[in-house]
Amino acid sequence: MIEPMEPSSTLRFATTARSLAQVARSHGLVVPGFRSPPRITGADRTLRRRSGAVTIAVRVRGRPWVAVLADMVEGVVAANHLVGPEADRIRRRLWAAAGEHPSSVDGEARVA
């Protein structure tokens, strides 16, 4: 059974998923689908690969937003098998797109 998310969490999750997908697309990466909650009981994040598509499922209910966002960002990184400096660069871009990371993005203007 799928747990319903609170309306504000649902909107924030959906809006953030679109922003992260846009960043992935702009960098030529696999654009994962996002859903909530994971089908595996007790899991905070799962990643499923099927026929070339990737779905990241994240538990939102009862968790701090920053933890949810971290799972979404890391899901994109994992979906694309990114490591090292390339993974770090994409992480910075994803965090900035979500408007949650306080540091600069590759020397660009500071994100509030």
PDB file of N, CA and C in Angstrom:
ATOM      1  N   MET A   1       0.839  -1.172   0.000  1.00  0.00           N
ATOM      2  CA  MET A   1       0.000   0.000   0.000  1.00  0.00           C
ATOM      3  C   MET A   1       0.890   1.244   0.000  1.00  0.00           C
ATOM      4  N   ILE A   2       0.532   2.221  -0.785  1.00  0.00           N
ATOM      5  CA  ILE A   2       1.295   3.453  -0.883  1.00  0.00           C
ATOM      6  C   ILE A   2       0.778   4.451   0.138  1.00  0.00           C
ATOM      7  N   GLU A   3       1.707   4.981   0.963  1.00  0.00           N
ATOM      8  CA  GLU A   3       1.350   5.997   1.948  1.00  0.00           C
ATOM      9  C   GLU A   3       1.177   7.332   1.237  1.00  0.00           C
ATOM     10  N   PRO A   4       0.098   8.072   1.526  1.00  0.00           N
ATOM     11  CA  PRO A   4      -0.019   9.397   0.915  1.00  0.00           C
ATOM     12  C   PRO A   4       0.944  10.375   1.588  1.00  0.00           C
ATOM     13  N   MET A   5       1.478  11.310   0.808  1.00  0.00           N
ATOM     14  CA  MET A   5       2.330  12.351   1.364  1.00  0.00           C
ATOM     15  C   MET A   5       1.454  13.557   1.689  1.00  0.00           C
ATOM     16  N   GLU A   6       1.924  14.404   2.587  1.00  0.00           N
ATOM     17  CA  GLU A   6       1.220  15.641   2.876  1.00  0.00           C
ATOM     18  C   GLU A   6       1.239  16.490   1.608  1.00  0.00           C
ATOM     19  N   PRO A   7       0.171  17.282   1.342  1.00  0.00           N
ATOM     20  CA  PRO A   7       0.128  18.065   0.105  1.00  0.00           C
ATOM     21  C   PRO A   7       1.352  18.952  -0.113  1.00  0.00           C
ATOM     22  N   SER A   8       1.856  19.638   0.918  1.00  0.00           N
ATOM     23  CA  SER A   8       3.021  20.499   0.727  1.00  0.00           C
ATOM     24  C   SER A   8       4.257  19.678   0.385  1.00  0.00           C
ATOM     25  N   SER A   9       4.385  18.512   0.998  1.00  0.00           N
ATOM     26  CA  SER A   9       5.516  17.630   0.687  1.00  0.00           C
ATOM     27  C   SER A   9       5.408  17.092  -0.732  1.00  0.00           C
ATOM     28  N   THR A  10       4.192  16.773  -1.150  1.00  0.00           N
ATOM     29  CA  THR A  10       3.975  16.254  -2.495  1.00  0.00           C
ATOM     30  C   THR A  10       4.384  17.287  -3.533  1.00  0.00           C
ATOM     31  N   LEU A  11       3.963  18.514  -3.341  1.00  0.00           N
ATOM     32  CA  LEU A  11       4.289  19.582  -4.279  1.00  0.00           C
ATOM     33  C   LEU A  11       5.793  19.845  -4.304  1.00  0.00           C
ATOM     34  N   ARG A  12       6.404  19.902  -3.147  1.00  0.00           N
ATOM     35  CA  ARG A  12       7.848  20.152  -3.060  1.00  0.00           C
ATOM     36  C   ARG A  12       8.629  19.015  -3.715  1.00  0.00           C
ATOM     37  N   PHE A  13       8.220  17.780  -3.462  1.00  0.00           N
ATOM     38  CA  PHE A  13       8.867  16.605  -4.051  1.00  0.00           C
ATOM     39  C   PHE A  13       8.752  16.667  -5.575  1.00  0.00           C
ATOM     40  N   ALA A  14       7.559  16.927  -6.086  1.00  0.00           N
ATOM     41  CA  ALA A  14       7.337  16.960  -7.531  1.00  0.00           C
ATOM     42  C   ALA A  14       8.115  18.095  -8.191  1.00  0.00           C
ATOM     43  N   THR A  15       8.092  19.260  -7.574  1.00  0.00           N
ATOM     44  CA  THR A  15       8.812  20.413  -8.114  1.00  0.00           C
ATOM     45  C   THR A  15      10.315  20.149  -8.151  1.00  0.00           C
ATOM     46  N   THR A  16      10.815  19.577  -7.074  1.00  0.00           N
ATOM     47  CA  THR A  16      12.250  19.268  -7.005  1.00  0.00           C
ATOM     48  C   THR A  16      12.621  18.189  -8.006  1.00  0.00           C
ATOM     49  N   ALA A  17      11.783  17.179  -8.161  1.00  0.00           N
ATOM     50  CA  ALA A  17      12.050  16.116  -9.136  1.00  0.00           C
ATOM     51  C   ALA A  17      12.173  16.704 -10.545  1.00  0.00           C
ATOM     52  N   ARG A  18      11.307  17.641 -10.892  1.00  0.00           N
ATOM     53  CA  ARG A  18      11.382  18.282 -12.212  1.00  0.00           C
ATOM     54  C   ARG A  18      12.684  19.075 -12.363  1.00  0.00           C
ATOM     55  N   SER A  19      13.072  19.786 -11.319  1.00  0.00           N
ATOM     56  CA  SER A  19      14.317  20.570 -11.373  1.00  0.00           C
ATOM     57  C   SER A  19      15.536  19.664 -11.541  1.00  0.00           C
ATOM     58  N   LEU A  20      15.568  18.574 -10.790  1.00  0.00           N
ATOM     59  CA  LEU A  20      16.698  17.652 -10.888  1.00  0.00           C
ATOM     60  C   LEU A  20      16.731  16.978 -12.258  1.00  0.00           C
ATOM     61  N   ALA A  21      15.570  16.638 -12.783  1.00  0.00           N
ATOM     62  CA  ALA A  21      15.496  16.024 -14.114  1.00  0.00           C
ATOM     63  C   ALA A  21      16.011  16.984 -15.180  1.00  0.00           C
ATOM     64  N   GLN A  22      15.694  18.265 -15.039  1.00  0.00           N
ATOM     65  CA  GLN A  22      16.150  19.266 -15.996  1.00  0.00           C
ATOM     66  C   GLN A  22      17.679  19.375 -15.990  1.00  0.00           C
ATOM     67  N   VAL A  23      18.274  19.352 -14.798  1.00  0.00           N
ATOM     68  CA  VAL A  23      19.735  19.398 -14.704  1.00  0.00           C
ATOM     69  C   VAL A  23      20.339  18.155 -15.360  1.00  0.00           C
ATOM     70  N   ALA A  24      19.801  16.990 -15.036  1.00  0.00           N
ATOM     71  CA  ALA A  24      20.317  15.743 -15.621  1.00  0.00           C
ATOM     72  C   ALA A  24      20.233  15.801 -17.146  1.00  0.00           C
ATOM     73  N   ARG A  25      19.096  16.221 -17.656  1.00  0.00           N
ATOM     74  CA  ARG A  25      18.888  16.307 -19.105  1.00  0.00           C
ATOM     75  C   ARG A  25      19.885  17.286 -19.736  1.00  0.00           C
ATOM     76  N   SER A  26      20.104  18.420 -19.097  1.00  0.00           N
ATOM     77  CA  SER A  26      21.002  19.436 -19.656  1.00  0.00           C
ATOM     78  C   SER A  26      22.453  18.975 -19.711  1.00  0.00           C
ATOM     79  N   HIS A  27      22.798  17.962 -18.925  1.00  0.00           N
ATOM     80  CA  HIS A  27      24.158  17.425 -18.918  1.00  0.00           C
ATOM     81  C   HIS A  27      24.253  16.100 -19.669  1.00  0.00           C
ATOM     82  N   GLY A  28      23.189  15.747 -20.377  1.00  0.00           N
ATOM     83  CA  GLY A  28      23.203  14.523 -21.177  1.00  0.00           C
ATOM     84  C   GLY A  28      23.170  13.244 -20.349  1.00  0.00           C
ATOM     85  N   LEU A  29      22.655  13.337 -19.135  1.00  0.00           N
ATOM     86  CA  LEU A  29      22.594  12.178 -18.238  1.00  0.00           C
ATOM     87  C   LEU A  29      21.258  11.460 -18.358  1.00  0.00           C
ATOM     88  N   VAL A  30      21.217  10.246 -17.806  1.00  0.00           N
ATOM     89  CA  VAL A  30      19.960   9.518 -17.690  1.00  0.00           C
ATOM     90  C   VAL A  30      19.047  10.336 -16.791  1.00  0.00           C
ATOM     91  N   VAL A  31      17.823  10.554 -17.235  1.00  0.00           N
ATOM     92  CA  VAL A  31      16.850  11.310 -16.447  1.00  0.00           C
ATOM     93  C   VAL A  31      15.953  10.283 -15.739  1.00  0.00           C
ATOM     94  N   PRO A  32      16.145  10.128 -14.428  1.00  0.00           N
ATOM     95  CA  PRO A  32      15.343   9.130 -13.715  1.00  0.00           C
ATOM     96  C   PRO A  32      13.929   9.647 -13.443  1.00  0.00           C
ATOM     97  N   GLY A  33      13.037   8.684 -13.225  1.00  0.00           N
ATOM     98  CA  GLY A  33      11.717   9.021 -12.727  1.00  0.00           C
ATOM     99  C   GLY A  33      11.790   8.995 -11.208  1.00  0.00           C
ATOM    100  N   PHE A  34      10.934   9.745 -10.559  1.00  0.00           N
ATOM    101  CA  PHE A  34      10.902   9.772  -9.102  1.00  0.00           C
ATOM    102  C   PHE A  34       9.525   9.347  -8.623  1.00  0.00           C
ATOM    103  N   ARG A  35       9.499   8.630  -7.509  1.00  0.00           N
ATOM    104  CA  ARG A  35       8.234   8.251  -6.888  1.00  0.00           C
ATOM    105  C   ARG A  35       8.434   8.175  -5.385  1.00  0.00           C
ATOM    106  N   SER A  36       7.330   8.112  -4.672  1.00  0.00           N
ATOM    107  CA  SER A  36       7.377   7.967  -3.228  1.00  0.00           C
ATOM    108  C   SER A  36       6.115   7.266  -2.779  1.00  0.00           C
ATOM    109  N   PRO A  37       6.236   6.397  -1.806  1.00  0.00           N
ATOM    110  CA  PRO A  37       7.439   5.917  -1.121  1.00  0.00           C
ATOM    111  C   PRO A  37       8.027   4.709  -1.848  1.00  0.00           C
ATOM    112  N   PRO A  38       9.199   4.231  -1.402  1.00  0.00           N
ATOM    113  CA  PRO A  38       9.758   3.000  -1.965  1.00  0.00           C
ATOM    114  C   PRO A  38       8.839   1.815  -1.659  1.00  0.00           C
ATOM    115  N   ARG A  39       8.856   0.841  -2.501  1.00  0.00           N
ATOM    116  CA  ARG A  39       8.028  -0.351  -2.275  1.00  0.00           C
ATOM    117  C   ARG A  39       8.591  -1.265  -1.199  1.00  0.00           C
ATOM    118  N   ILE A  40       9.865  -1.129  -0.908  1.00  0.00           N
ATOM    119  CA  ILE A  40      10.503  -1.970   0.109  1.00  0.00           C
ATOM    120  C   ILE A  40      10.280  -1.334   1.474  1.00  0.00           C
ATOM    121  N   THR A  41       9.593  -2.043   2.331  1.00  0.00           N
ATOM    122  CA  THR A  41       9.291  -1.542   3.666  1.00  0.00           C
ATOM    123  C   THR A  41      10.570  -1.207   4.419  1.00  0.00           C
ATOM    124  N   GLY A  42      10.596  -0.010   5.000  1.00  0.00           N
ATOM    125  CA  GLY A  42      11.740   0.411   5.795  1.00  0.00           C
ATOM    126  C   GLY A  42      12.846   1.088   5.013  1.00  0.00           C
ATOM    127  N   ALA A  43      12.785   1.059   3.690  1.00  0.00           N
ATOM    128  CA  ALA A  43      13.826   1.690   2.876  1.00  0.00           C
ATOM    129  C   ALA A  43      13.554   3.186   2.754  1.00  0.00           C
ATOM    130  N   ASP A  44      14.612   3.985   2.839  1.00  0.00           N
ATOM    131  CA  ASP A  44      14.483   5.423   2.629  1.00  0.00           C
ATOM    132  C   ASP A  44      14.610   5.770   1.149  1.00  0.00           C
ATOM    133  N   ARG A  45      15.439   5.009   0.425  1.00  0.00           N
ATOM    134  CA  ARG A  45      15.617   5.236  -1.014  1.00  0.00           C
ATOM    135  C   ARG A  45      15.890   3.921  -1.704  1.00  0.00           C
ATOM    136  N   THR A  46      15.271   3.736  -2.852  1.00  0.00           N
ATOM    137  CA  THR A  46      15.583   2.593  -3.703  1.00  0.00           C
ATOM    138  C   THR A  46      15.797   3.088  -5.124  1.00  0.00           C
ATOM    139  N   LEU A  47      16.508   2.296  -5.892  1.00  0.00           N
ATOM    140  CA  LEU A  47      16.758   2.608  -7.289  1.00  0.00           C
ATOM    141  C   LEU A  47      16.431   1.361  -8.093  1.00  0.00           C
ATOM    142  N   ARG A  48      15.608   1.527  -9.101  1.00  0.00           N
ATOM    143  CA  ARG A  48      15.209   0.384  -9.938  1.00  0.00           C
ATOM    144  C   ARG A  48      15.553   0.686 -11.389  1.00  0.00           C
ATOM    145  N   ARG A  49      16.245  -0.266 -12.027  1.00  0.00           N
ATOM    146  CA  ARG A  49      16.569  -0.163 -13.448  1.00  0.00           C
ATOM    147  C   ARG A  49      15.729  -1.198 -14.184  1.00  0.00           C
ATOM    148  N   ARG A  50      15.051  -0.730 -15.212  1.00  0.00           N
ATOM    149  CA  ARG A  50      14.217  -1.640 -15.985  1.00  0.00           C
ATOM    150  C   ARG A  50      14.126  -1.136 -17.417  1.00  0.00           C
ATOM    151  N   SER A  51      14.575  -1.957 -18.358  1.00  0.00           N
ATOM    152  CA  SER A  51      14.503  -1.629 -19.792  1.00  0.00           C
ATOM    153  C   SER A  51      15.080  -0.251 -20.110  1.00  0.00           C
ATOM    154  N   GLY A  52      16.220   0.056 -19.546  1.00  0.00           N
ATOM    155  CA  GLY A  52      16.876   1.322 -19.825  1.00  0.00           C
ATOM    156  C   GLY A  52      16.347   2.513 -19.033  1.00  0.00           C
ATOM    157  N   ALA A  53      15.250   2.315 -18.309  1.00  0.00           N
ATOM    158  CA  ALA A  53      14.692   3.400 -17.492  1.00  0.00           C
ATOM    159  C   ALA A  53      15.123   3.206 -16.043  1.00  0.00           C
ATOM    160  N   VAL A  54      15.254   4.313 -15.337  1.00  0.00           N
ATOM    161  CA  VAL A  54      15.638   4.267 -13.929  1.00  0.00           C
ATOM    162  C   VAL A  54      14.561   4.991 -13.122  1.00  0.00           C
ATOM    163  N   THR A  55      14.148   4.371 -12.023  1.00  0.00           N
ATOM    164  CA  THR A  55      13.205   4.996 -11.106  1.00  0.00           C
ATOM    165  C   THR A  55      13.826   5.067  -9.727  1.00  0.00           C
ATOM    166  N   ILE A  56      13.794   6.252  -9.143  1.00  0.00           N
ATOM    167  CA  ILE A  56      14.289   6.470  -7.794  1.00  0.00           C
ATOM    168  C   ILE A  56      13.071   6.680  -6.905  1.00  0.00           C
ATOM    169  N   ALA A  57      12.944   5.840  -5.894  1.00  0.00           N
ATOM    170  CA  ALA A  57      11.843   5.975  -4.940  1.00  0.00           C
ATOM    171  C   ALA A  57      12.415   6.453  -3.620  1.00  0.00           C
ATOM    172  N   VAL A  58      11.792   7.479  -3.060  1.00  0.00           N
ATOM    173  CA  VAL A  58      12.292   8.108  -1.842  1.00  0.00           C
ATOM    174  C   VAL A  58      11.157   8.223  -0.827  1.00  0.00           C
ATOM    175  N   ARG A  59      11.464   7.863   0.422  1.00  0.00           N
ATOM    176  CA  ARG A  59      10.479   8.047   1.494  1.00  0.00           C
ATOM    177  C   ARG A  59      10.522   9.496   1.941  1.00  0.00           C
ATOM    178  N   VAL A  60       9.383  10.158   1.895  1.00  0.00           N
ATOM    179  CA  VAL A  60       9.281  11.568   2.263  1.00  0.00           C
ATOM    180  C   VAL A  60       8.690  11.711   3.657  1.00  0.00           C
ATOM    181  N   ARG A  61       7.653  10.960   3.905  1.00  0.00           N
ATOM    182  CA  ARG A  61       6.897  11.096   5.160  1.00  0.00           C
ATOM    183  C   ARG A  61       7.773  10.839   6.387  1.00  0.00           C
ATOM    184  N   GLY A  62       7.712  11.786   7.335  1.00  0.00           N
ATOM    185  CA  GLY A  62       8.411  11.621   8.601  1.00  0.00           C
ATOM    186  C   GLY A  62       9.909  11.860   8.540  1.00  0.00           C
ATOM    187  N   ARG A  63      10.392  12.483   7.463  1.00  0.00           N
ATOM    188  CA  ARG A  63      11.829  12.724   7.315  1.00  0.00           C
ATOM    189  C   ARG A  63      12.088  14.204   7.083  1.00  0.00           C
ATOM    190  N   PRO A  64      13.232  14.697   7.546  1.00  0.00           N
ATOM    191  CA  PRO A  64      13.597  16.089   7.255  1.00  0.00           C
ATOM    192  C   PRO A  64      13.770  16.270   5.746  1.00  0.00           C
ATOM    193  N   TRP A  65      13.374  17.450   5.250  1.00  0.00           N
ATOM    194  CA  TRP A  65      13.460  17.687   3.808  1.00  0.00           C
ATOM    195  C   TRP A  65      14.883  17.515   3.285  1.00  0.00           C
ATOM    196  N   VAL A  66      15.890  17.964   4.018  1.00  0.00           N
ATOM    197  CA  VAL A  66      17.275  17.852   3.543  1.00  0.00           C
ATOM    198  C   VAL A  66      17.670  16.388   3.332  1.00  0.00           C
ATOM    199  N   ALA A  67      17.152  15.473   4.138  1.00  0.00           N
ATOM    200  CA  ALA A  67      17.441  14.046   3.953  1.00  0.00           C
ATOM    201  C   ALA A  67      16.766  13.526   2.684  1.00  0.00           C
ATOM    202  N   VAL A  68      15.551  13.970   2.450  1.00  0.00           N
ATOM    203  CA  VAL A  68      14.831  13.576   1.231  1.00  0.00           C
ATOM    204  C   VAL A  68      15.585  14.084   0.008  1.00  0.00           C
ATOM    205  N   LEU A  69      15.965  15.351   0.045  1.00  0.00           N
ATOM    206  CA  LEU A  69      16.689  15.946  -1.076  1.00  0.00           C
ATOM    207  C   LEU A  69      18.022  15.246  -1.307  1.00  0.00           C
ATOM    208  N   ALA A  70      18.735  14.939  -0.240  1.00  0.00           N
ATOM    209  CA  ALA A  70      20.015  14.222  -0.391  1.00  0.00           C
ATOM    210  C   ALA A  70      19.802  12.880  -1.084  1.00  0.00           C
ATOM    211  N   ASP A  71      18.726  12.177  -0.738  1.00  0.00           N
ATOM    212  CA  ASP A  71      18.439  10.899  -1.396  1.00  0.00           C
ATOM    213  C   ASP A  71      18.098  11.091  -2.877  1.00  0.00           C
ATOM    214  N   MET A  72      17.405  12.170  -3.194  1.00  0.00           N
ATOM    215  CA  MET A  72      17.072  12.441  -4.593  1.00  0.00           C
ATOM    216  C   MET A  72      18.340  12.748  -5.391  1.00  0.00           C
ATOM    217  N   VAL A  73      19.204  13.593  -4.841  1.00  0.00           N
ATOM    218  CA  VAL A  73      20.452  13.952  -5.510  1.00  0.00           C
ATOM    219  C   VAL A  73      21.337  12.714  -5.682  1.00  0.00           C
ATOM    220  N   GLU A  74      21.530  11.973  -4.619  1.00  0.00           N
ATOM    221  CA  GLU A  74      22.382  10.777  -4.706  1.00  0.00           C
ATOM    222  C   GLU A  74      21.782   9.727  -5.633  1.00  0.00           C
ATOM    223  N   GLY A  75      20.468   9.700  -5.719  1.00  0.00           N
ATOM    224  CA  GLY A  75      19.813   8.790  -6.657  1.00  0.00           C
ATOM    225  C   GLY A  75      20.182   9.112  -8.093  1.00  0.00           C
ATOM    226  N   VAL A  76      20.210  10.398  -8.439  1.00  0.00           N
ATOM    227  CA  VAL A  76      20.607  10.804  -9.798  1.00  0.00           C
ATOM    228  C   VAL A  76      22.060  10.418 -10.056  1.00  0.00           C
ATOM    229  N   VAL A  77      22.918  10.656  -9.081  1.00  0.00           N
ATOM    230  CA  VAL A  77      24.333  10.305  -9.220  1.00  0.00           C
ATOM    231  C   VAL A  77      24.487   8.792  -9.415  1.00  0.00           C
ATOM    232  N   ALA A  78      23.806   8.013  -8.600  1.00  0.00           N
ATOM    233  CA  ALA A  78      23.889   6.551  -8.709  1.00  0.00           C
ATOM    234  C   ALA A  78      23.284   6.047 -10.021  1.00  0.00           C
ATOM    235  N   ALA A  79      22.182   6.634 -10.435  1.00  0.00           N
ATOM    236  CA  ALA A  79      21.526   6.215 -11.677  1.00  0.00           C
ATOM    237  C   ALA A  79      22.444   6.385 -12.882  1.00  0.00           C
ATOM    238  N   ASN A  80      23.353   7.345 -12.782  1.00  0.00           N
ATOM    239  CA  ASN A  80      24.266   7.635 -13.885  1.00  0.00           C
ATOM    240  C   ASN A  80      25.670   7.078 -13.685  1.00  0.00           C
ATOM    241  N   HIS A  81      25.849   6.285 -12.637  1.00  0.00           N
ATOM    242  CA  HIS A  81      27.154   5.659 -12.354  1.00  0.00           C
ATOM    243  C   HIS A  81      28.273   6.702 -12.288  1.00  0.00           C
ATOM    244  N   LEU A  82      27.986   7.860 -11.726  1.00  0.00           N
ATOM    245  CA  LEU A  82      28.985   8.927 -11.652  1.00  0.00           C
ATOM    246  C   LEU A  82      29.891   8.729 -10.447  1.00  0.00           C
ATOM    247  N   VAL A  83      31.181   9.025 -10.630  1.00  0.00           N
ATOM    248  CA  VAL A  83      32.155   8.936  -9.547  1.00  0.00           C
ATOM    249  C   VAL A  83      33.143  10.094  -9.667  1.00  0.00           C
ATOM    250  N   GLY A  84      33.881  10.317  -8.604  1.00  0.00           N
ATOM    251  CA  GLY A  84      34.967  11.288  -8.600  1.00  0.00           C
ATOM    252  C   GLY A  84      34.520  12.713  -8.869  1.00  0.00           C
ATOM    253  N   PRO A  85      35.398  13.491  -9.528  1.00  0.00           N
ATOM    254  CA  PRO A  85      35.114  14.902  -9.768  1.00  0.00           C
ATOM    255  C   PRO A  85      33.830  15.139 -10.568  1.00  0.00           C
ATOM    256  N   GLU A  86      33.538  14.256 -11.518  1.00  0.00           N
ATOM    257  CA  GLU A  86      32.309  14.411 -12.304  1.00  0.00           C
ATOM    258  C   GLU A  86      31.076  14.283 -11.408  1.00  0.00           C
ATOM    259  N   ALA A  87      31.085  13.329 -10.494  1.00  0.00           N
ATOM    260  CA  ALA A  87      29.968  13.169  -9.555  1.00  0.00           C
ATOM    261  C   ALA A  87      29.829  14.403  -8.665  1.00  0.00           C
ATOM    262  N   ASP A  88      30.950  14.941  -8.201  1.00  0.00           N
ATOM    263  CA  ASP A  88      30.923  16.137  -7.354  1.00  0.00           C
ATOM    264  C   ASP A  88      30.360  17.339  -8.104  1.00  0.00           C
ATOM    265  N   ARG A  89      30.762  17.491  -9.359  1.00  0.00           N
ATOM    266  CA  ARG A  89      30.277  18.609 -10.172  1.00  0.00           C
ATOM    267  C   ARG A  89      28.764  18.516 -10.372  1.00  0.00           C
ATOM    268  N   ILE A  90      28.282  17.327 -10.685  1.00  0.00           N
ATOM    269  CA  ILE A  90      26.845  17.143 -10.899  1.00  0.00           C
ATOM    270  C   ILE A  90      26.083  17.319  -9.584  1.00  0.00           C
ATOM    271  N   ARG A  91      26.630  16.818  -8.484  1.00  0.00           N
ATOM    272  CA  ARG A  91      25.986  17.034  -7.174  1.00  0.00           C
ATOM    273  C   ARG A  91      25.789  18.524  -6.898  1.00  0.00           C
ATOM    274  N   ARG A  92      26.836  19.310  -7.118  1.00  0.00           N
ATOM    275  CA  ARG A  92      26.730  20.752  -6.889  1.00  0.00           C
ATOM    276  C   ARG A  92      25.628  21.364  -7.745  1.00  0.00           C
ATOM    277  N   ARG A  93      25.556  20.942  -8.994  1.00  0.00           N
ATOM    278  CA  ARG A  93      24.517  21.459  -9.902  1.00  0.00           C
ATOM    279  C   ARG A  93      23.124  21.055  -9.432  1.00  0.00           C
ATOM    280  N   LEU A  94      22.988  19.823  -8.987  1.00  0.00           N
ATOM    281  CA  LEU A  94      21.683  19.339  -8.519  1.00  0.00           C
ATOM    282  C   LEU A  94      21.242  20.068  -7.257  1.00  0.00           C
ATOM    283  N   TRP A  95      22.163  20.207  -6.296  1.00  0.00           N
ATOM    284  CA  TRP A  95      21.833  20.927  -5.060  1.00  0.00           C
ATOM    285  C   TRP A  95      21.445  22.367  -5.374  1.00  0.00           C
ATOM    286  N   ALA A  96      22.182  23.008  -6.254  1.00  0.00           N
ATOM    287  CA  ALA A  96      21.879  24.390  -6.621  1.00  0.00           C
ATOM    288  C   ALA A  96      20.511  24.498  -7.284  1.00  0.00           C
ATOM    289  N   ALA A  97      20.186  23.560  -8.158  1.00  0.00           N
ATOM    290  CA  ALA A  97      18.887  23.566  -8.832  1.00  0.00           C
ATOM    291  C   ALA A  97      17.746  23.441  -7.830  1.00  0.00           C
ATOM    292  N   ALA A  98      18.007  22.716  -6.733  1.00  0.00           N
ATOM    293  CA  ALA A  98      16.989  22.545  -5.699  1.00  0.00           C
ATOM    294  C   ALA A  98      16.928  23.755  -4.766  1.00  0.00           C
ATOM    295  N   GLY A  99      17.897  24.671  -4.904  1.00  0.00           N
ATOM    296  CA  GLY A  99      17.905  25.885  -4.101  1.00  0.00           C
ATOM    297  C   GLY A  99      18.231  25.649  -2.641  1.00  0.00           C
ATOM    298  N   GLU A 100      18.926  24.566  -2.351  1.00  0.00           N
ATOM    299  CA  GLU A 100      19.192  24.214  -0.964  1.00  0.00           C
ATOM    300  C   GLU A 100      20.653  24.247  -0.569  1.00  0.00           C
ATOM    301  N   HIS A 101      21.566  24.339  -1.509  1.00  0.00           N
ATOM    302  CA  HIS A 101      22.990  24.256  -1.193  1.00  0.00           C
ATOM    303  C   HIS A 101      23.572  25.649  -1.029  1.00  0.00           C
ATOM    304  N   PRO A 102      24.217  25.928   0.086  1.00  0.00           N
ATOM    305  CA  PRO A 102      24.691  27.281   0.370  1.00  0.00           C
ATOM    306  C   PRO A 102      25.981  27.678  -0.341  1.00  0.00           C
ATOM    307  N   SER A 103      26.692  26.755  -0.965  1.00  0.00           N
ATOM    308  CA  SER A 103      27.972  27.112  -1.567  1.00  0.00           C
ATOM    309  C   SER A 103      27.813  27.475  -3.047  1.00  0.00           C
ATOM    310  N   SER A 104      28.866  28.005  -3.623  1.00  0.00           N
ATOM    311  CA  SER A 104      28.810  28.385  -5.032  1.00  0.00           C
ATOM    312  C   SER A 104      28.853  27.155  -5.912  1.00  0.00           C
ATOM    313  N   VAL A 105      28.437  27.335  -7.135  1.00  0.00           N
ATOM    314  CA  VAL A 105      28.392  26.245  -8.108  1.00  0.00           C
ATOM    315  C   VAL A 105      29.438  26.519  -9.172  1.00  0.00           C
ATOM    316  N   ASP A 106      30.532  25.751  -9.141  1.00  0.00           N
ATOM    317  CA  ASP A 106      31.614  25.882 -10.126  1.00  0.00           C
ATOM    318  C   ASP A 106      32.011  27.334 -10.381  1.00  0.00           C
ATOM    319  N   GLY A 107      32.122  28.133  -9.285  1.00  0.00           N
ATOM    320  CA  GLY A 107      32.576  29.493  -9.430  1.00  0.00           C
ATOM    321  C   GLY A 107      31.508  30.475  -9.878  1.00  0.00           C
ATOM    322  N   GLU A 108      30.281  30.005 -10.042  1.00  0.00           N
ATOM    323  CA  GLU A 108      29.195  30.893 -10.444  1.00  0.00           C
ATOM    324  C   GLU A 108      28.681  31.653  -9.236  1.00  0.00           C
ATOM    325  N   ALA A 109      27.706  32.470  -9.435  1.00  0.00           N
ATOM    326  CA  ALA A 109      27.130  33.273  -8.350  1.00  0.00           C
ATOM    327  C   ALA A 109      26.623  32.390  -7.216  1.00  0.00           C
ATOM    328  N   ARG A 110      26.683  32.949  -6.035  1.00  0.00           N
ATOM    329  CA  ARG A 110      26.260  32.236  -4.832  1.00  0.00           C
ATOM    330  C   ARG A 110      24.768  31.953  -4.860  1.00  0.00           C
ATOM    331  N   VAL A 111      24.368  30.746  -4.441  1.00  0.00           N
ATOM    332  CA  VAL A 111      22.960  30.338  -4.408  1.00  0.00           C
ATOM    333  C   VAL A 111      22.409  30.622  -3.032  1.00  0.00           C
ATOM    334  N   ALA A 112      21.281  31.280  -2.967  1.00  0.00           N
ATOM    335  CA  ALA A 112      20.674  31.602  -1.652  1.00  0.00           C
ATOM    336  C   ALA A 112      19.820  30.471  -1.152  1.00  0.00           C
TER     337      ALA A 112
END
